Amino acid sequence: MKNNSNSHTIQTAMALIMFCLFLVSILLVLTSGVKSYSSIASKLSSRYESRTCINYISSKVKYNDTQNSVDIKDFNGKNALYIKNQIDDKEFNTIIYYYDGYVKELTVEEGKELGLNSGQNIVPIKNIEFKKVKNNLIHIYCTDNKGDKKDAYISLKSEDGGTSNGK
């Protein structure tokens, strides 16, 4: 009888050990999966920020691509993209610039001055720079919050003798 009881105790202990090993392996797999997911989510978020930034600016420039409407100037000490618009016989500038961790956009009447914090936050990034390569070519450099750099060239059709957007 004792032999049968010892055998039963050993079988129970072995089953318990196997169950604990199974639980530990499940926890290790889950922990690994969470780390992988966090890493992938972080990379996707970072790419989303820089892609959104470049796509937003590209769309804005292409929509407003008329003769002498797009320029790169200094805005309160920051490199900024200026887009001129005519609304009800008044000239307005849409200014896109980087300040305080965000790409910002500000629309202001020509001649009026506002501060850097007046603009609307568009997308969080680390830095953005605009450079006019030629009269009809703008280069955008965007650094996201992870330090990844993206860039894009925007061709201005109106400055190259092409057609404007019909505005």
N, C-alpha and C. Protein backbone atom coordinates (compact mmCIF):
# COMPACT_ATOMS: atom_id res chain seq x y z
N MET A 1 0.79 -1.18 0.00
CA MET A 1 0.00 0.00 0.00
C MET A 1 0.84 1.26 0.00
N LYS A 2 1.97 1.20 0.78
CA LYS A 2 2.83 2.35 0.83
C LYS A 2 3.46 2.63 -0.51
N ASN A 3 3.82 1.62 -1.24
CA ASN A 3 4.44 1.76 -2.55
C ASN A 3 3.49 2.47 -3.51
N ASN A 4 2.23 2.13 -3.47
CA ASN A 4 1.22 2.74 -4.32
C ASN A 4 1.03 4.22 -3.95
N SER A 5 1.11 4.56 -2.64
CA SER A 5 0.94 5.93 -2.19
C SER A 5 2.14 6.78 -2.62
N ASN A 6 3.37 6.22 -2.54
CA ASN A 6 4.57 6.92 -3.00
C ASN A 6 4.51 7.18 -4.49
N SER A 7 4.07 6.21 -5.25
CA SER A 7 3.95 6.34 -6.69
C SER A 7 2.93 7.42 -7.05
N HIS A 8 1.84 7.45 -6.30
CA HIS A 8 0.81 8.45 -6.55
C HIS A 8 1.34 9.85 -6.23
N THR A 9 2.12 10.01 -5.17
CA THR A 9 2.70 11.29 -4.78
C THR A 9 3.71 11.76 -5.83
N ILE A 10 4.52 10.86 -6.33
CA ILE A 10 5.51 11.21 -7.36
C ILE A 10 4.81 11.63 -8.64
N GLN A 11 3.77 10.92 -9.02
CA GLN A 11 3.02 11.30 -10.24
C GLN A 11 2.37 12.67 -10.08
N THR A 12 1.83 12.93 -8.92
CA THR A 12 1.21 14.23 -8.65
C THR A 12 2.27 15.34 -8.69
N ALA A 13 3.42 15.08 -8.08
CA ALA A 13 4.50 16.07 -8.06
C ALA A 13 5.00 16.33 -9.49
N MET A 14 5.15 15.30 -10.29
CA MET A 14 5.60 15.45 -11.67
C MET A 14 4.59 16.23 -12.50
N ALA A 15 3.30 15.96 -12.30
CA ALA A 15 2.26 16.68 -13.02
C ALA A 15 2.26 18.16 -12.61
N LEU A 16 2.47 18.42 -11.32
CA LEU A 16 2.53 19.79 -10.83
C LEU A 16 3.75 20.52 -11.39
N ILE A 17 4.88 19.86 -11.43
CA ILE A 17 6.11 20.45 -12.00
C ILE A 17 5.90 20.74 -13.49
N MET A 18 5.33 19.81 -14.22
CA MET A 18 5.08 20.01 -15.65
C MET A 18 4.12 21.19 -15.87
N PHE A 19 3.11 21.28 -15.04
CA PHE A 19 2.15 22.37 -15.14
C PHE A 19 2.84 23.72 -14.88
N CYS A 20 3.71 23.77 -13.86
CA CYS A 20 4.44 25.01 -13.55
C CYS A 20 5.37 25.38 -14.69
N LEU A 21 6.05 24.41 -15.29
CA LEU A 21 6.92 24.68 -16.44
C LEU A 21 6.10 25.22 -17.62
N PHE A 22 4.94 24.66 -17.81
CA PHE A 22 4.05 25.12 -18.87
C PHE A 22 3.64 26.57 -18.62
N LEU A 23 3.27 26.92 -17.39
CA LEU A 23 2.89 28.29 -17.05
C LEU A 23 4.06 29.26 -17.25
N VAL A 24 5.26 28.87 -16.83
CA VAL A 24 6.44 29.72 -17.00
C VAL A 24 6.71 29.95 -18.48
N SER A 25 6.60 28.91 -19.30
CA SER A 25 6.85 29.08 -20.73
C SER A 25 5.80 29.99 -21.37
N ILE A 26 4.55 29.89 -20.93
CA ILE A 26 3.50 30.78 -21.44
C ILE A 26 3.81 32.22 -21.06
N LEU A 27 4.22 32.46 -19.82
CA LEU A 27 4.56 33.81 -19.39
C LEU A 27 5.74 34.38 -20.18
N LEU A 28 6.74 33.56 -20.47
CA LEU A 28 7.88 34.01 -21.26
C LEU A 28 7.46 34.38 -22.68
N VAL A 29 6.62 33.58 -23.28
CA VAL A 29 6.14 33.87 -24.63
C VAL A 29 5.30 35.15 -24.63
N LEU A 30 4.43 35.32 -23.65
CA LEU A 30 3.61 36.53 -23.56
C LEU A 30 4.47 37.78 -23.34
N THR A 31 5.46 37.68 -22.48
CA THR A 31 6.36 38.82 -22.22
C THR A 31 7.12 39.19 -23.48
N SER A 32 7.60 38.19 -24.18
CA SER A 32 8.31 38.44 -25.44
C SER A 32 7.38 39.09 -26.46
N GLY A 33 6.16 38.63 -26.54
CA GLY A 33 5.19 39.20 -27.47
C GLY A 33 4.87 40.65 -27.14
N VAL A 34 4.75 40.98 -25.87
CA VAL A 34 4.46 42.35 -25.45
C VAL A 34 5.62 43.26 -25.82
N LYS A 35 6.85 42.82 -25.61
CA LYS A 35 8.02 43.62 -25.96
C LYS A 35 8.08 43.85 -27.47
N SER A 36 7.82 42.81 -28.23
CA SER A 36 7.82 42.95 -29.69
C SER A 36 6.74 43.90 -30.14
N TYR A 37 5.56 43.76 -29.59
CA TYR A 37 4.44 44.64 -29.95
C TYR A 37 4.77 46.09 -29.62
N SER A 38 5.34 46.33 -28.44
CA SER A 38 5.69 47.70 -28.04
C SER A 38 6.71 48.30 -29.00
N SER A 39 7.69 47.51 -29.38
CA SER A 39 8.72 47.99 -30.31
C SER A 39 8.12 48.33 -31.67
N ILE A 40 7.28 47.45 -32.18
CA ILE A 40 6.65 47.67 -33.49
C ILE A 40 5.71 48.87 -33.43
N ALA A 41 4.93 48.98 -32.37
CA ALA A 41 3.99 50.11 -32.22
C ALA A 41 4.75 51.43 -32.15
N SER A 42 5.88 51.43 -31.46
CA SER A 42 6.69 52.65 -31.36
C SER A 42 7.25 53.06 -32.72
N LYS A 43 7.74 52.09 -33.48
CA LYS A 43 8.28 52.38 -34.82
C LYS A 43 7.18 52.89 -35.75
N LEU A 44 6.02 52.25 -35.71
CA LEU A 44 4.91 52.67 -36.56
C LEU A 44 4.44 54.08 -36.21
N SER A 45 4.39 54.38 -34.92
CA SER A 45 3.99 55.72 -34.49
C SER A 45 4.98 56.76 -34.99
N SER A 46 6.26 56.45 -34.88
CA SER A 46 7.30 57.37 -35.33
C SER A 46 7.21 57.59 -36.84
N ARG A 47 7.03 56.53 -37.58
CA ARG A 47 6.90 56.65 -39.04
C ARG A 47 5.64 57.41 -39.42
N TYR A 48 4.58 57.19 -38.67
CA TYR A 48 3.33 57.89 -38.92
C TYR A 48 3.53 59.40 -38.79
N GLU A 49 4.25 59.81 -37.75
CA GLU A 49 4.49 61.23 -37.51
C GLU A 49 5.24 61.88 -38.67
N SER A 50 6.34 61.26 -39.09
CA SER A 50 7.14 61.87 -40.15
C SER A 50 6.42 61.81 -41.50
N ARG A 51 5.73 60.69 -41.77
CA ARG A 51 4.98 60.57 -43.03
C ARG A 51 3.84 61.57 -43.07
N THR A 52 3.13 61.70 -41.96
CA THR A 52 2.02 62.64 -41.89
C THR A 52 2.53 64.06 -42.10
N CYS A 53 3.62 64.38 -41.47
CA CYS A 53 4.21 65.71 -41.60
C CYS A 53 4.53 66.03 -43.06
N ILE A 54 5.25 65.15 -43.72
CA ILE A 54 5.66 65.39 -45.11
C ILE A 54 4.45 65.38 -46.04
N ASN A 55 3.54 64.44 -45.86
CA ASN A 55 2.35 64.40 -46.72
C ASN A 55 1.46 65.62 -46.53
N TYR A 56 1.32 66.07 -45.31
CA TYR A 56 0.50 67.25 -45.03
C TYR A 56 1.08 68.48 -45.74
N ILE A 57 2.37 68.68 -45.59
CA ILE A 57 3.02 69.85 -46.20
C ILE A 57 3.00 69.74 -47.72
N SER A 58 3.27 68.56 -48.24
CA SER A 58 3.23 68.37 -49.70
C SER A 58 1.85 68.69 -50.26
N SER A 59 0.82 68.21 -49.61
CA SER A 59 -0.55 68.48 -50.06
C SER A 59 -0.87 69.96 -50.00
N LYS A 60 -0.45 70.59 -48.93
CA LYS A 60 -0.71 72.02 -48.76
C LYS A 60 -0.02 72.82 -49.87
N VAL A 61 1.23 72.48 -50.17
CA VAL A 61 1.97 73.20 -51.21
C VAL A 61 1.36 72.94 -52.58
N LYS A 62 1.06 71.69 -52.89
CA LYS A 62 0.51 71.36 -54.21
C LYS A 62 -0.85 72.02 -54.44
N TYR A 63 -1.66 72.09 -53.41
CA TYR A 63 -2.98 72.71 -53.54
C TYR A 63 -2.87 74.21 -53.80
N ASN A 64 -1.86 74.83 -53.21
CA ASN A 64 -1.68 76.28 -53.32
C ASN A 64 -0.59 76.67 -54.31
N ASP A 65 -0.26 75.79 -55.24
CA ASP A 65 0.83 76.02 -56.18
C ASP A 65 0.39 76.98 -57.29
N THR A 66 0.52 78.27 -57.00
CA THR A 66 0.28 79.30 -58.01
C THR A 66 1.53 80.16 -58.09
N GLN A 67 1.64 80.95 -59.14
CA GLN A 67 2.83 81.76 -59.39
C GLN A 67 3.20 82.60 -58.16
N ASN A 68 4.44 82.46 -57.70
CA ASN A 68 5.00 83.24 -56.58
C ASN A 68 4.22 83.11 -55.27
N SER A 69 3.57 81.98 -55.05
CA SER A 69 2.77 81.83 -53.83
C SER A 69 3.51 81.06 -52.73
N VAL A 70 4.57 80.33 -53.07
CA VAL A 70 5.26 79.50 -52.09
C VAL A 70 6.69 80.01 -51.94
N ASP A 71 7.10 80.22 -50.68
CA ASP A 71 8.46 80.71 -50.43
C ASP A 71 8.93 80.19 -49.07
N ILE A 72 10.23 80.26 -48.86
CA ILE A 72 10.82 79.87 -47.58
C ILE A 72 11.47 81.13 -46.99
N LYS A 73 11.05 81.46 -45.78
CA LYS A 73 11.55 82.66 -45.11
C LYS A 73 11.77 82.36 -43.64
N ASP A 74 12.31 83.37 -42.96
CA ASP A 74 12.49 83.31 -41.52
C ASP A 74 11.20 83.78 -40.84
N PHE A 75 10.74 83.04 -39.85
CA PHE A 75 9.57 83.44 -39.06
C PHE A 75 9.99 83.45 -37.60
N ASN A 76 10.22 84.64 -37.05
CA ASN A 76 10.65 84.80 -35.66
C ASN A 76 11.84 83.91 -35.32
N GLY A 77 12.81 83.87 -36.21
CA GLY A 77 14.02 83.09 -35.97
C GLY A 77 13.93 81.63 -36.37
N LYS A 78 12.82 81.21 -36.92
CA LYS A 78 12.63 79.81 -37.34
C LYS A 78 12.51 79.73 -38.85
N ASN A 79 13.05 78.67 -39.41
CA ASN A 79 12.91 78.36 -40.83
C ASN A 79 11.45 78.01 -41.08
N ALA A 80 10.82 78.70 -42.05
CA ALA A 80 9.37 78.50 -42.24
C ALA A 80 9.00 78.50 -43.72
N LEU A 81 7.94 77.80 -44.02
CA LEU A 81 7.37 77.76 -45.36
C LEU A 81 6.19 78.72 -45.39
N TYR A 82 6.22 79.65 -46.33
CA TYR A 82 5.16 80.64 -46.49
C TYR A 82 4.34 80.30 -47.73
N ILE A 83 3.03 80.32 -47.58
CA ILE A 83 2.13 80.11 -48.70
C ILE A 83 1.18 81.30 -48.74
N LYS A 84 1.23 82.07 -49.84
CA LYS A 84 0.37 83.25 -49.98
C LYS A 84 -0.98 82.85 -50.56
N ASN A 85 -2.02 83.50 -50.04
CA ASN A 85 -3.38 83.31 -50.54
C ASN A 85 -4.07 84.66 -50.62
N GLN A 86 -4.97 84.80 -51.55
CA GLN A 86 -5.78 86.00 -51.71
C GLN A 86 -7.20 85.64 -51.30
N ILE A 87 -7.71 86.34 -50.28
CA ILE A 87 -9.08 86.11 -49.82
C ILE A 87 -9.76 87.47 -49.70
N ASP A 88 -10.82 87.68 -50.47
CA ASP A 88 -11.57 88.94 -50.45
C ASP A 88 -10.65 90.16 -50.57
N ASP A 89 -9.82 90.16 -51.57
CA ASP A 89 -8.90 91.26 -51.87
C ASP A 89 -7.89 91.54 -50.75
N LYS A 90 -7.70 90.60 -49.86
CA LYS A 90 -6.68 90.72 -48.82
C LYS A 90 -5.70 89.57 -48.99
N GLU A 91 -4.42 89.85 -48.74
CA GLU A 91 -3.41 88.79 -48.82
C GLU A 91 -3.18 88.19 -47.44
N PHE A 92 -3.16 86.87 -47.43
CA PHE A 92 -2.89 86.13 -46.20
C PHE A 92 -1.70 85.22 -46.44
N ASN A 93 -0.94 84.97 -45.37
CA ASN A 93 0.15 84.00 -45.41
C ASN A 93 -0.20 82.83 -44.51
N THR A 94 -0.07 81.64 -45.04
CA THR A 94 -0.12 80.45 -44.22
C THR A 94 1.34 80.09 -43.97
N ILE A 95 1.72 80.07 -42.71
CA ILE A 95 3.11 79.84 -42.33
C ILE A 95 3.20 78.47 -41.65
N ILE A 96 4.06 77.62 -42.17
CA ILE A 96 4.28 76.30 -41.58
C ILE A 96 5.71 76.29 -41.05
N TYR A 97 5.86 75.94 -39.77
CA TYR A 97 7.16 76.01 -39.10
C TYR A 97 7.22 75.01 -37.95
N TYR A 98 8.41 74.87 -37.37
CA TYR A 98 8.59 73.98 -36.23
C TYR A 98 8.78 74.83 -34.97
N TYR A 99 8.07 74.44 -33.91
CA TYR A 99 8.25 75.12 -32.64
C TYR A 99 7.75 74.24 -31.50
N ASP A 100 8.55 74.12 -30.47
CA ASP A 100 8.15 73.45 -29.23
C ASP A 100 7.65 72.01 -29.43
N GLY A 101 8.35 71.26 -30.30
CA GLY A 101 8.03 69.85 -30.49
C GLY A 101 6.95 69.56 -31.51
N TYR A 102 6.47 70.57 -32.22
CA TYR A 102 5.39 70.37 -33.19
C TYR A 102 5.65 71.11 -34.49
N VAL A 103 5.14 70.55 -35.57
CA VAL A 103 4.98 71.33 -36.79
C VAL A 103 3.74 72.16 -36.54
N LYS A 104 3.85 73.44 -36.80
CA LYS A 104 2.73 74.34 -36.54
C LYS A 104 2.33 75.05 -37.82
N GLU A 105 1.07 75.44 -37.86
CA GLU A 105 0.55 76.19 -39.00
C GLU A 105 -0.18 77.41 -38.48
N LEU A 106 0.09 78.53 -39.14
CA LEU A 106 -0.52 79.79 -38.75
C LEU A 106 -0.94 80.52 -40.01
N THR A 107 -2.18 80.98 -40.06
CA THR A 107 -2.66 81.80 -41.18
C THR A 107 -2.87 83.20 -40.63
N VAL A 108 -2.19 84.17 -41.26
CA VAL A 108 -2.22 85.54 -40.77
C VAL A 108 -2.27 86.50 -41.95
N GLU A 109 -2.94 87.62 -41.75
CA GLU A 109 -3.02 88.64 -42.79
C GLU A 109 -1.64 89.22 -43.05
N GLU A 110 -1.35 89.49 -44.32
CA GLU A 110 -0.06 90.05 -44.72
C GLU A 110 0.24 91.31 -43.91
N GLY A 111 1.45 91.37 -43.35
CA GLY A 111 1.87 92.54 -42.60
C GLY A 111 1.66 92.43 -41.10
N LYS A 112 0.83 91.51 -40.65
CA LYS A 112 0.60 91.34 -39.21
C LYS A 112 1.61 90.34 -38.67
N GLU A 113 2.09 90.60 -37.49
CA GLU A 113 3.08 89.74 -36.86
C GLU A 113 2.48 89.03 -35.64
N LEU A 114 2.72 87.77 -35.53
CA LEU A 114 2.30 86.98 -34.38
C LEU A 114 3.48 86.16 -33.88
N GLY A 115 3.39 85.65 -32.67
CA GLY A 115 4.46 84.88 -32.07
C GLY A 115 4.47 83.43 -32.52
N LEU A 116 5.56 82.74 -32.18
CA LEU A 116 5.72 81.33 -32.56
C LEU A 116 4.65 80.43 -31.94
N ASN A 117 4.20 80.75 -30.74
CA ASN A 117 3.21 79.89 -30.09
C ASN A 117 1.78 80.16 -30.57
N SER A 118 1.60 81.06 -31.54
CA SER A 118 0.27 81.38 -32.07
C SER A 118 -0.26 80.31 -33.02
N GLY A 119 0.63 79.51 -33.59
CA GLY A 119 0.22 78.53 -34.59
C GLY A 119 -0.50 77.33 -34.01
N GLN A 120 -1.24 76.65 -34.88
CA GLN A 120 -1.97 75.42 -34.53
C GLN A 120 -1.02 74.23 -34.63
N ASN A 121 -1.00 73.37 -33.60
CA ASN A 121 -0.18 72.15 -33.65
C ASN A 121 -0.71 71.22 -34.72
N ILE A 122 0.19 70.72 -35.58
CA ILE A 122 -0.20 69.80 -36.64
C ILE A 122 0.21 68.38 -36.30
N VAL A 123 1.51 68.17 -36.07
CA VAL A 123 2.00 66.83 -35.77
C VAL A 123 3.26 66.95 -34.89
N PRO A 124 3.39 66.07 -33.88
CA PRO A 124 4.59 66.14 -33.04
C PRO A 124 5.80 65.52 -33.76
N ILE A 125 6.88 66.28 -33.82
CA ILE A 125 8.13 65.79 -34.39
C ILE A 125 9.29 66.43 -33.64
N LYS A 126 10.51 66.04 -34.01
CA LYS A 126 11.70 66.59 -33.37
C LYS A 126 12.20 67.84 -34.08
N ASN A 127 12.13 67.87 -35.40
CA ASN A 127 12.59 69.03 -36.15
C ASN A 127 12.12 68.95 -37.60
N ILE A 128 12.04 70.12 -38.23
CA ILE A 128 11.74 70.18 -39.66
C ILE A 128 12.49 71.36 -40.25
N GLU A 129 12.96 71.16 -41.47
CA GLU A 129 13.66 72.24 -42.19
C GLU A 129 13.15 72.29 -43.62
N PHE A 130 13.09 73.49 -44.13
CA PHE A 130 12.70 73.72 -45.52
C PHE A 130 13.88 74.35 -46.24
N LYS A 131 14.08 73.93 -47.47
CA LYS A 131 15.17 74.50 -48.26
C LYS A 131 14.71 74.61 -49.71
N LYS A 132 14.91 75.77 -50.31
CA LYS A 132 14.57 75.95 -51.71
C LYS A 132 15.80 75.59 -52.53
N VAL A 133 15.73 74.46 -53.23
CA VAL A 133 16.85 73.96 -54.01
C VAL A 133 16.99 74.76 -55.29
N LYS A 134 15.88 74.98 -55.95
CA LYS A 134 15.79 75.78 -57.17
C LYS A 134 14.56 76.65 -57.04
N ASN A 135 14.31 77.47 -58.02
CA ASN A 135 13.12 78.30 -58.01
C ASN A 135 11.85 77.46 -57.97
N ASN A 136 11.92 76.25 -58.52
CA ASN A 136 10.71 75.41 -58.59
C ASN A 136 10.83 74.12 -57.78
N LEU A 137 11.79 74.05 -56.85
CA LEU A 137 11.99 72.80 -56.11
C LEU A 137 12.26 73.09 -54.63
N ILE A 138 11.43 72.49 -53.77
CA ILE A 138 11.58 72.65 -52.32
C ILE A 138 11.95 71.30 -51.72
N HIS A 139 12.90 71.31 -50.80
CA HIS A 139 13.32 70.11 -50.10
C HIS A 139 12.89 70.23 -48.64
N ILE A 140 12.19 69.21 -48.15
CA ILE A 140 11.73 69.18 -46.77
C ILE A 140 12.51 68.09 -46.03
N TYR A 141 13.13 68.46 -44.91
CA TYR A 141 13.81 67.51 -44.03
C TYR A 141 12.99 67.39 -42.75
N CYS A 142 12.63 66.18 -42.39
CA CYS A 142 11.81 65.96 -41.20
C CYS A 142 12.49 64.93 -40.30
N THR A 143 12.67 65.26 -39.03
CA THR A 143 13.23 64.32 -38.05
C THR A 143 12.14 64.01 -37.04
N ASP A 144 11.77 62.73 -36.94
CA ASP A 144 10.71 62.36 -36.01
C ASP A 144 11.26 62.25 -34.59
N ASN A 145 10.39 61.95 -33.65
CA ASN A 145 10.79 61.91 -32.24
C ASN A 145 11.71 60.76 -31.88
N LYS A 146 11.86 59.80 -32.76
CA LYS A 146 12.81 58.70 -32.54
C LYS A 146 14.17 59.00 -33.17
N GLY A 147 14.26 60.13 -33.88
CA GLY A 147 15.52 60.50 -34.52
C GLY A 147 15.64 60.05 -35.96
N ASP A 148 14.62 59.35 -36.48
CA ASP A 148 14.65 58.92 -37.88
C ASP A 148 14.40 60.12 -38.77
N LYS A 149 15.16 60.19 -39.85
CA LYS A 149 15.03 61.34 -40.76
C LYS A 149 14.34 60.93 -42.05
N LYS A 150 13.44 61.77 -42.48
CA LYS A 150 12.75 61.58 -43.75
C LYS A 150 12.88 62.89 -44.51
N ASP A 151 12.84 62.78 -45.82
CA ASP A 151 12.86 63.99 -46.62
C ASP A 151 12.03 63.80 -47.86
N ALA A 152 11.68 64.92 -48.48
CA ALA A 152 10.88 64.88 -49.70
C ALA A 152 11.19 66.13 -50.51
N TYR A 153 11.07 65.98 -51.80
CA TYR A 153 11.20 67.11 -52.72
C TYR A 153 9.81 67.42 -53.27
N ILE A 154 9.50 68.70 -53.33
CA ILE A 154 8.22 69.13 -53.89
C ILE A 154 8.52 70.04 -55.06
N SER A 155 8.02 69.67 -56.22
CA SER A 155 8.20 70.47 -57.42
C SER A 155 7.03 71.43 -57.57
N LEU A 156 7.37 72.69 -57.75
CA LEU A 156 6.35 73.72 -57.95
C LEU A 156 6.11 73.88 -59.45
N LYS A 157 4.98 73.42 -59.91
CA LYS A 157 4.68 73.47 -61.35
C LYS A 157 4.50 74.92 -61.83
N SER A 158 3.93 75.77 -60.99
CA SER A 158 3.68 77.15 -61.40
C SER A 158 4.98 77.92 -61.58
N GLU A 159 6.04 77.54 -60.92
CA GLU A 159 7.32 78.24 -61.04
C GLU A 159 8.14 77.69 -62.20
N ASP A 160 7.65 76.64 -62.83
CA ASP A 160 8.38 75.99 -63.92
C ASP A 160 7.65 76.17 -65.24
N GLY A 161 6.69 77.07 -65.28
CA GLY A 161 5.95 77.29 -66.51
C GLY A 161 4.81 76.32 -66.70
N GLY A 162 4.58 75.47 -65.67
CA GLY A 162 3.48 74.51 -65.75
C GLY A 162 2.17 75.18 -65.40
N THR A 163 1.14 74.40 -65.30
CA THR A 163 -0.17 74.96 -64.98
C THR A 163 -0.36 74.99 -63.49
N SER A 164 -1.13 75.92 -63.02
CA SER A 164 -1.44 75.97 -61.59
C SER A 164 -2.65 75.09 -61.33
N ASN A 165 -3.11 75.10 -60.09
CA ASN A 165 -4.21 74.21 -59.72
C ASN A 165 -5.58 74.73 -60.11
N GLY A 166 -5.64 75.82 -60.86
CA GLY A 166 -6.93 76.29 -61.33
C GLY A 166 -7.61 77.28 -60.41
N LYS A 167 -6.93 77.71 -59.37
CA LYS A 167 -7.52 78.67 -58.43
C LYS A 167 -7.58 80.04 -59.02
